[in-house]
Each structure stands twice: as structure tokens, then as C-alpha cells.
Amino acid sequence: MNKLLHFLIVIFLLYLLKFNLGNLDFFFSTKGQRGESHVDREHVLILGVYKNTYYHVDGKDIKVCPGDILYICKNNLHHVFSP
């Protein structure tokens, strides 16, 4: 089995067990851009899949590389940007 696919399945199962699955959303971008600052009502798990993406959380810029996982607590203001 492809390592990335296996990893995604493991993350999905952990998400089901830990956070009581409500919604699972996938987002992607084909060019560099900045998302709007926002607050999610649920916990967020970000999985880096392709190239690097940056998240601004708690006043810090966090680099997410392929294979990295970023956890953002619910009700925490954040936004995404990529070069």
C-alpha cells in the first residue's frame, strides 16, 4: 500500500476515535495565496500532503511540510498562506 495512503487512513481512524467525527473537509490550492482569518467551531487537524504551507496561529507562523500534522484547537483564530 502507498505510504501516503496508509498514513491518511491512520490519521482518519485517529480522528474518528479522538474527535468524534462530525465533518471531514479537504482543501487544496493550485497557487500561492492567503486565506481569510477565521475561527473554527471544531478542532482542526491539518495534514501536509504536497509542498509547504504556512499557518498563522497564536501569533506564530508554522510551516507544515508533507507528512506533518498540525492541530488547531477549536475557537482559535488562524489563517493559511502559501508562497
PDB file of N, CA and C in Angstrom:
ATOM      1  N   MET A   1       0.845  -1.178   0.000  1.00  0.00           N
ATOM      2  CA  MET A   1       0.000   0.000   0.000  1.00  0.00           C
ATOM      3  C   MET A   1       0.891   1.243   0.000  1.00  0.00           C
ATOM      4  N   ASN A   2       0.513   2.252  -0.734  1.00  0.00           N
ATOM      5  CA  ASN A   2       1.229   3.511  -0.788  1.00  0.00           C
ATOM      6  C   ASN A   2       1.360   4.072   0.633  1.00  0.00           C
ATOM      7  N   LYS A   3       2.580   4.541   0.991  1.00  0.00           N
ATOM      8  CA  LYS A   3       2.813   5.053   2.346  1.00  0.00           C
ATOM      9  C   LYS A   3       1.905   6.234   2.671  1.00  0.00           C
ATOM     10  N   LEU A   4       1.700   7.124   1.725  1.00  0.00           N
ATOM     11  CA  LEU A   4       0.849   8.283   1.975  1.00  0.00           C
ATOM     12  C   LEU A   4      -0.591   7.849   2.233  1.00  0.00           C
ATOM     13  N   LEU A   5      -1.089   6.926   1.420  1.00  0.00           N
ATOM     14  CA  LEU A   5      -2.451   6.434   1.619  1.00  0.00           C
ATOM     15  C   LEU A   5      -2.589   5.766   2.981  1.00  0.00           C
ATOM     16  N   HIS A   6      -1.622   4.962   3.347  1.00  0.00           N
ATOM     17  CA  HIS A   6      -1.637   4.298   4.655  1.00  0.00           C
ATOM     18  C   HIS A   6      -1.655   5.340   5.767  1.00  0.00           C
ATOM     19  N   PHE A   7      -0.837   6.351   5.642  1.00  0.00           N
ATOM     20  CA  PHE A   7      -0.773   7.422   6.631  1.00  0.00           C
ATOM     21  C   PHE A   7      -2.116   8.140   6.751  1.00  0.00           C
ATOM     22  N   LEU A   8      -2.741   8.440   5.622  1.00  0.00           N
ATOM     23  CA  LEU A   8      -4.035   9.115   5.632  1.00  0.00           C
ATOM     24  C   LEU A   8      -5.112   8.264   6.314  1.00  0.00           C
ATOM     25  N   ILE A   9      -5.066   6.976   6.095  1.00  0.00           N
ATOM     26  CA  ILE A   9      -6.027   6.083   6.732  1.00  0.00           C
ATOM     27  C   ILE A   9      -5.829   6.073   8.248  1.00  0.00           C
ATOM     28  N   VAL A  10      -4.583   6.025   8.692  1.00  0.00           N
ATOM     29  CA  VAL A  10      -4.297   6.041  10.127  1.00  0.00           C
ATOM     30  C   VAL A  10      -4.788   7.341  10.753  1.00  0.00           C
ATOM     31  N   ILE A  11      -4.510   8.461  10.099  1.00  0.00           N
ATOM     32  CA  ILE A  11      -4.953   9.757  10.614  1.00  0.00           C
ATOM     33  C   ILE A  11      -6.471   9.804  10.688  1.00  0.00           C
ATOM     34  N   PHE A  12      -7.133   9.318   9.657  1.00  0.00           N
ATOM     35  CA  PHE A  12      -8.589   9.300   9.646  1.00  0.00           C
ATOM     36  C   PHE A  12      -9.137   8.486  10.815  1.00  0.00           C
ATOM     37  N   LEU A  13      -8.559   7.331  11.071  1.00  0.00           N
ATOM     38  CA  LEU A  13      -9.023   6.492  12.176  1.00  0.00           C
ATOM     39  C   LEU A  13      -8.776   7.164  13.522  1.00  0.00           C
ATOM     40  N   LEU A  14      -7.620   7.806  13.679  1.00  0.00           N
ATOM     41  CA  LEU A  14      -7.349   8.540  14.916  1.00  0.00           C
ATOM     42  C   LEU A  14      -8.345   9.677  15.097  1.00  0.00           C
ATOM     43  N   TYR A  15      -8.657  10.339  14.010  1.00  0.00           N
ATOM     44  CA  TYR A  15      -9.635  11.431  14.049  1.00  0.00           C
ATOM     45  C   TYR A  15     -10.993  10.896  14.513  1.00  0.00           C
ATOM     46  N   LEU A  16     -11.390   9.764  13.984  1.00  0.00           N
ATOM     47  CA  LEU A  16     -12.665   9.159  14.390  1.00  0.00           C
ATOM     48  C   LEU A  16     -12.691   8.851  15.878  1.00  0.00           C
ATOM     49  N   LEU A  17     -11.611   8.276  16.380  1.00  0.00           N
ATOM     50  CA  LEU A  17     -11.564   7.868  17.775  1.00  0.00           C
ATOM     51  C   LEU A  17     -11.457   9.053  18.731  1.00  0.00           C
ATOM     52  N   LYS A  18     -10.634  10.026  18.387  1.00  0.00           N
ATOM     53  CA  LYS A  18     -10.345  11.123  19.306  1.00  0.00           C
ATOM     54  C   LYS A  18     -11.390  12.235  19.278  1.00  0.00           C
ATOM     55  N   PHE A  19     -11.859  12.595  18.096  1.00  0.00           N
ATOM     56  CA  PHE A  19     -12.654  13.808  17.980  1.00  0.00           C
ATOM     57  C   PHE A  19     -14.110  13.576  17.604  1.00  0.00           C
ATOM     58  N   ASN A  20     -14.551  12.314  17.602  1.00  0.00           N
ATOM     59  CA  ASN A  20     -15.953  12.041  17.304  1.00  0.00           C
ATOM     60  C   ASN A  20     -16.346  12.706  15.982  1.00  0.00           C
ATOM     61  N   LEU A  21     -15.979  12.106  14.910  1.00  0.00           N
ATOM     62  CA  LEU A  21     -16.108  12.664  13.562  1.00  0.00           C
ATOM     63  C   LEU A  21     -17.432  13.369  13.315  1.00  0.00           C
ATOM     64  N   GLY A  22     -17.338  14.612  12.906  1.00  0.00           N
ATOM     65  CA  GLY A  22     -18.508  15.384  12.505  1.00  0.00           C
ATOM     66  C   GLY A  22     -18.388  15.687  11.032  1.00  0.00           C
ATOM     67  N   ASN A  23     -17.365  16.425  10.672  1.00  0.00           N
ATOM     68  CA  ASN A  23     -17.100  16.769   9.273  1.00  0.00           C
ATOM     69  C   ASN A  23     -15.633  16.532   8.981  1.00  0.00           C
ATOM     70  N   LEU A  24     -15.370  16.033   7.818  1.00  0.00           N
ATOM     71  CA  LEU A  24     -14.004  15.871   7.353  1.00  0.00           C
ATOM     72  C   LEU A  24     -13.916  16.621   6.030  1.00  0.00           C
ATOM     73  N   ASP A  25     -13.140  17.686   6.003  1.00  0.00           N
ATOM     74  CA  ASP A  25     -13.037  18.535   4.826  1.00  0.00           C
ATOM     75  C   ASP A  25     -11.637  18.452   4.239  1.00  0.00           C
ATOM     76  N   PHE A  26     -11.562  18.536   2.920  1.00  0.00           N
ATOM     77  CA  PHE A  26     -10.288  18.574   2.223  1.00  0.00           C
ATOM     78  C   PHE A  26     -10.194  19.886   1.461  1.00  0.00           C
ATOM     79  N   PHE A  27      -9.065  20.571   1.618  1.00  0.00           N
ATOM     80  CA  PHE A  27      -8.839  21.821   0.918  1.00  0.00           C
ATOM     81  C   PHE A  27      -7.510  21.735   0.186  1.00  0.00           C
ATOM     82  N   PHE A  28      -7.442  22.370  -0.964  1.00  0.00           N
ATOM     83  CA  PHE A  28      -6.179  22.428  -1.673  1.00  0.00           C
ATOM     84  C   PHE A  28      -6.143  23.702  -2.503  1.00  0.00           C
ATOM     85  N   SER A  29      -4.933  24.080  -2.874  1.00  0.00           N
ATOM     86  CA  SER A  29      -4.736  25.264  -3.698  1.00  0.00           C
ATOM     87  C   SER A  29      -3.737  24.947  -4.786  1.00  0.00           C
ATOM     88  N   THR A  30      -3.942  25.504  -5.950  1.00  0.00           N
ATOM     89  CA  THR A  30      -3.020  25.266  -7.062  1.00  0.00           C
ATOM     90  C   THR A  30      -2.023  26.405  -7.225  1.00  0.00           C
ATOM     91  N   LYS A  31      -2.162  27.453  -6.403  1.00  0.00           N
ATOM     92  CA  LYS A  31      -1.221  28.573  -6.468  1.00  0.00           C
ATOM     93  C   LYS A  31      -1.093  29.184  -5.084  1.00  0.00           C
ATOM     94  N   GLY A  32      -0.043  29.966  -4.893  1.00  0.00           N
ATOM     95  CA  GLY A  32       0.157  30.626  -3.619  1.00  0.00           C
ATOM     96  C   GLY A  32      -0.945  31.630  -3.336  1.00  0.00           C
ATOM     97  N   GLN A  33      -1.441  31.609  -2.118  1.00  0.00           N
ATOM     98  CA  GLN A  33      -2.482  32.550  -1.734  1.00  0.00           C
ATOM     99  C   GLN A  33      -2.582  32.615  -0.224  1.00  0.00           C
ATOM    100  N   ARG A  34      -3.402  33.528   0.285  1.00  0.00           N
ATOM    101  CA  ARG A  34      -3.635  33.684   1.714  1.00  0.00           C
ATOM    102  C   ARG A  34      -5.123  33.525   1.989  1.00  0.00           C
ATOM    103  N   GLY A  35      -5.446  32.689   2.959  1.00  0.00           N
ATOM    104  CA  GLY A  35      -6.835  32.516   3.348  1.00  0.00           C
ATOM    105  C   GLY A  35      -7.253  33.585   4.336  1.00  0.00           C
ATOM    106  N   GLU A  36      -8.531  33.774   4.473  1.00  0.00           N
ATOM    107  CA  GLU A  36      -9.069  34.732   5.438  1.00  0.00           C
ATOM    108  C   GLU A  36      -8.874  34.207   6.862  1.00  0.00           C
ATOM    109  N   SER A  37      -8.587  35.103   7.779  1.00  0.00           N
ATOM    110  CA  SER A  37      -8.525  34.717   9.185  1.00  0.00           C
ATOM    111  C   SER A  37      -9.918  34.274   9.623  1.00  0.00           C
ATOM    112  N   HIS A  38      -9.970  33.185  10.374  1.00  0.00           N
ATOM    113  CA  HIS A  38     -11.256  32.671  10.821  1.00  0.00           C
ATOM    114  C   HIS A  38     -11.099  31.815  12.070  1.00  0.00           C
ATOM    115  N   VAL A  39     -12.221  31.477  12.665  1.00  0.00           N
ATOM    116  CA  VAL A  39     -12.283  30.619  13.847  1.00  0.00           C
ATOM    117  C   VAL A  39     -13.167  29.432  13.487  1.00  0.00           C
ATOM    118  N   ASP A  40     -12.686  28.229  13.772  1.00  0.00           N
ATOM    119  CA  ASP A  40     -13.492  27.024  13.556  1.00  0.00           C
ATOM    120  C   ASP A  40     -14.152  26.617  14.871  1.00  0.00           C
ATOM    121  N   ARG A  41     -15.376  26.137  14.784  1.00  0.00           N
ATOM    122  CA  ARG A  41     -16.112  25.705  15.982  1.00  0.00           C
ATOM    123  C   ARG A  41     -15.707  24.308  16.418  1.00  0.00           C
ATOM    124  N   GLU A  42     -14.880  23.643  15.626  1.00  0.00           N
ATOM    125  CA  GLU A  42     -14.422  22.307  15.971  1.00  0.00           C
ATOM    126  C   GLU A  42     -12.900  22.275  15.929  1.00  0.00           C
ATOM    127  N   HIS A  43     -12.338  21.230  16.525  1.00  0.00           N
ATOM    128  CA  HIS A  43     -10.889  21.041  16.464  1.00  0.00           C
ATOM    129  C   HIS A  43     -10.495  20.793  15.014  1.00  0.00           C
ATOM    130  N   VAL A  44      -9.272  21.191  14.651  1.00  0.00           N
ATOM    131  CA  VAL A  44      -8.815  21.056  13.272  1.00  0.00           C
ATOM    132  C   VAL A  44      -7.511  20.265  13.241  1.00  0.00           C
ATOM    133  N   LEU A  45      -7.443  19.282  12.361  1.00  0.00           N
ATOM    134  CA  LEU A  45      -6.199  18.565  12.076  1.00  0.00           C
ATOM    135  C   LEU A  45      -5.808  18.868  10.644  1.00  0.00           C
ATOM    136  N   ILE A  46      -4.600  19.375  10.456  1.00  0.00           N
ATOM    137  CA  ILE A  46      -4.090  19.704   9.129  1.00  0.00           C
ATOM    138  C   ILE A  46      -3.014  18.679   8.784  1.00  0.00           C
ATOM    139  N   LEU A  47      -3.128  18.063   7.634  1.00  0.00           N
ATOM    140  CA  LEU A  47      -2.130  17.114   7.149  1.00  0.00           C
ATOM    141  C   LEU A  47      -1.455  17.715   5.924  1.00  0.00           C
ATOM    142  N   GLY A  48      -0.148  17.932   6.009  1.00  0.00           N
ATOM    143  CA  GLY A  48       0.606  18.417   4.858  1.00  0.00           C
ATOM    144  C   GLY A  48       0.782  17.284   3.857  1.00  0.00           C
ATOM    145  N   VAL A  49       0.415  17.536   2.603  1.00  0.00           N
ATOM    146  CA  VAL A  49       0.485  16.481   1.595  1.00  0.00           C
ATOM    147  C   VAL A  49       1.435  16.848   0.462  1.00  0.00           C
ATOM    148  N   TYR A  50       1.393  18.099   0.000  1.00  0.00           N
ATOM    149  CA  TYR A  50       2.177  18.478  -1.174  1.00  0.00           C
ATOM    150  C   TYR A  50       2.781  19.857  -0.959  1.00  0.00           C
ATOM    151  N   LYS A  51       4.060  19.973  -1.115  1.00  0.00           N
ATOM    152  CA  LYS A  51       4.809  21.215  -0.900  1.00  0.00           C
ATOM    153  C   LYS A  51       4.567  21.754   0.505  1.00  0.00           C
ATOM    154  N   ASN A  52       5.047  22.953   0.772  1.00  0.00           N
ATOM    155  CA  ASN A  52       4.939  23.538   2.111  1.00  0.00           C
ATOM    156  C   ASN A  52       3.813  24.560   2.171  1.00  0.00           C
ATOM    157  N   THR A  53       3.146  24.594   3.300  1.00  0.00           N
ATOM    158  CA  THR A  53       2.084  25.559   3.566  1.00  0.00           C
ATOM    159  C   THR A  53       2.357  26.141   4.938  1.00  0.00           C
ATOM    160  N   TYR A  54       1.925  27.359   5.144  1.00  0.00           N
ATOM    161  CA  TYR A  54       2.145  28.027   6.415  1.00  0.00           C
ATOM    162  C   TYR A  54       0.810  28.392   7.041  1.00  0.00           C
ATOM    163  N   TYR A  55       0.738  28.244   8.362  1.00  0.00           N
ATOM    164  CA  TYR A  55      -0.447  28.622   9.112  1.00  0.00           C
ATOM    165  C   TYR A  55      -0.040  29.643  10.164  1.00  0.00           C
ATOM    166  N   HIS A  56      -0.827  30.689  10.296  1.00  0.00           N
ATOM    167  CA  HIS A  56      -0.587  31.700  11.315  1.00  0.00           C
ATOM    168  C   HIS A  56      -1.545  31.402  12.463  1.00  0.00           C
ATOM    169  N   VAL A  57      -0.981  30.936  13.593  1.00  0.00           N
ATOM    170  CA  VAL A  57      -1.769  30.521  14.750  1.00  0.00           C
ATOM    171  C   VAL A  57      -1.100  31.085  16.009  1.00  0.00           C
ATOM    172  N   ASP A  58      -1.874  31.671  16.878  1.00  0.00           N
ATOM    173  CA  ASP A  58      -1.355  32.216  18.140  1.00  0.00           C
ATOM    174  C   ASP A  58      -0.177  33.173  17.931  1.00  0.00           C
ATOM    175  N   GLY A  59      -0.255  33.989  16.887  1.00  0.00           N
ATOM    176  CA  GLY A  59       0.792  34.980  16.631  1.00  0.00           C
ATOM    177  C   GLY A  59       2.074  34.408  16.053  1.00  0.00           C
ATOM    178  N   LYS A  60       2.069  33.121  15.689  1.00  0.00           N
ATOM    179  CA  LYS A  60       3.264  32.473  15.139  1.00  0.00           C
ATOM    180  C   LYS A  60       2.964  31.912  13.762  1.00  0.00           C
ATOM    181  N   ASP A  61       3.972  31.947  12.892  1.00  0.00           N
ATOM    182  CA  ASP A  61       3.869  31.297  11.588  1.00  0.00           C
ATOM    183  C   ASP A  61       4.426  29.891  11.714  1.00  0.00           C
ATOM    184  N   ILE A  62       3.627  28.904  11.351  1.00  0.00           N
ATOM    185  CA  ILE A  62       4.010  27.499  11.474  1.00  0.00           C
ATOM    186  C   ILE A  62       4.092  26.887  10.090  1.00  0.00           C
ATOM    187  N   LYS A  63       5.245  26.329   9.766  1.00  0.00           N
ATOM    188  CA  LYS A  63       5.462  25.698   8.462  1.00  0.00           C
ATOM    189  C   LYS A  63       4.988  24.244   8.530  1.00  0.00           C
ATOM    190  N   VAL A  64       4.112  23.862   7.598  1.00  0.00           N
ATOM    191  CA  VAL A  64       3.617  22.484   7.511  1.00  0.00           C
ATOM    192  C   VAL A  64       4.152  21.879   6.218  1.00  0.00           C
ATOM    193  N   CYS A  65       4.988  20.872   6.364  1.00  0.00           N
ATOM    194  CA  CYS A  65       5.607  20.179   5.228  1.00  0.00           C
ATOM    195  C   CYS A  65       4.847  18.878   4.959  1.00  0.00           C
ATOM    196  N   PRO A  66       5.064  18.262   3.794  1.00  0.00           N
ATOM    197  CA  PRO A  66       4.424  16.971   3.531  1.00  0.00           C
ATOM    198  C   PRO A  66       4.727  15.968   4.651  1.00  0.00           C
ATOM    199  N   GLY A  67       3.686  15.349   5.163  1.00  0.00           N
ATOM    200  CA  GLY A  67       3.831  14.385   6.252  1.00  0.00           C
ATOM    201  C   GLY A  67       3.638  14.991   7.632  1.00  0.00           C
ATOM    202  N   ASP A  68       3.670  16.321   7.752  1.00  0.00           N
ATOM    203  CA  ASP A  68       3.454  16.982   9.036  1.00  0.00           C
ATOM    204  C   ASP A  68       1.966  17.033   9.367  1.00  0.00           C
ATOM    205  N   ILE A  69       1.680  17.064  10.655  1.00  0.00           N
ATOM    206  CA  ILE A  69       0.306  17.224  11.128  1.00  0.00           C
ATOM    207  C   ILE A  69       0.279  18.419  12.075  1.00  0.00           C
ATOM    208  N   LEU A  70      -0.664  19.298  11.871  1.00  0.00           N
ATOM    209  CA  LEU A  70      -0.849  20.463  12.734  1.00  0.00           C
ATOM    210  C   LEU A  70      -2.225  20.371  13.373  1.00  0.00           C
ATOM    211  N   TYR A  71      -2.268  20.526  14.679  1.00  0.00           N
ATOM    212  CA  TYR A  71      -3.527  20.525  15.418  1.00  0.00           C
ATOM    213  C   TYR A  71      -3.841  21.962  15.819  1.00  0.00           C
ATOM    214  N   ILE A  72      -5.052  22.430  15.525  1.00  0.00           N
ATOM    215  CA  ILE A  72      -5.506  23.754  15.930  1.00  0.00           C
ATOM    216  C   ILE A  72      -6.750  23.569  16.786  1.00  0.00           C
ATOM    217  N   CYS A  73      -6.686  24.062  18.023  1.00  0.00           N
ATOM    218  CA  CYS A  73      -7.830  23.958  18.942  1.00  0.00           C
ATOM    219  C   CYS A  73      -9.029  24.711  18.394  1.00  0.00           C
ATOM    220  N   LYS A  74     -10.211  24.229  18.708  1.00  0.00           N
ATOM    221  CA  LYS A  74     -11.417  24.934  18.289  1.00  0.00           C
ATOM    222  C   LYS A  74     -11.428  26.340  18.888  1.00  0.00           C
ATOM    223  N   ASN A  75     -12.118  27.241  18.204  1.00  0.00           N
ATOM    224  CA  ASN A  75     -12.249  28.637  18.621  1.00  0.00           C
ATOM    225  C   ASN A  75     -10.932  29.406  18.642  1.00  0.00           C
ATOM    226  N   ASN A  76      -9.944  28.958  17.863  1.00  0.00           N
ATOM    227  CA  ASN A  76      -8.642  29.603  17.805  1.00  0.00           C
ATOM    228  C   ASN A  76      -8.493  30.312  16.456  1.00  0.00           C
ATOM    229  N   LEU A  77      -8.310  31.618  16.477  1.00  0.00           N
ATOM    230  CA  LEU A  77      -8.174  32.400  15.249  1.00  0.00           C
ATOM    231  C   LEU A  77      -6.922  31.978  14.482  1.00  0.00           C
ATOM    232  N   HIS A  78      -7.066  31.749  13.172  1.00  0.00           N
ATOM    233  CA  HIS A  78      -5.930  31.327  12.346  1.00  0.00           C
ATOM    234  C   HIS A  78      -6.207  31.624  10.873  1.00  0.00           C
ATOM    235  N   HIS A  79      -5.145  31.572  10.079  1.00  0.00           N
ATOM    236  CA  HIS A  79      -5.284  31.640   8.628  1.00  0.00           C
ATOM    237  C   HIS A  79      -4.122  30.900   7.985  1.00  0.00           C
ATOM    238  N   VAL A  80      -4.305  30.573   6.730  1.00  0.00           N
ATOM    239  CA  VAL A  80      -3.314  29.834   5.961  1.00  0.00           C
ATOM    240  C   VAL A  80      -2.717  30.733   4.899  1.00  0.00           C
ATOM    241  N   PHE A  81      -1.438  30.496   4.572  1.00  0.00           N
ATOM    242  CA  PHE A  81      -0.846  31.183   3.428  1.00  0.00           C
ATOM    243  C   PHE A  81       0.233  30.292   2.834  1.00  0.00           C
ATOM    244  N   SER A  82       0.441  30.441   1.549  1.00  0.00           N
ATOM    245  CA  SER A  82       1.462  29.645   0.873  1.00  0.00           C
ATOM    246  C   SER A  82       2.159  30.512  -0.171  1.00  0.00           C
ATOM    247  N   PRO A  83       3.444  30.267  -0.349  1.00  0.00           N
ATOM    248  CA  PRO A  83       4.214  31.074  -1.310  1.00  0.00           C
ATOM    249  C   PRO A  83       3.846  30.747  -2.756  1.00  0.00           C
TER     250      PRO A  83
END
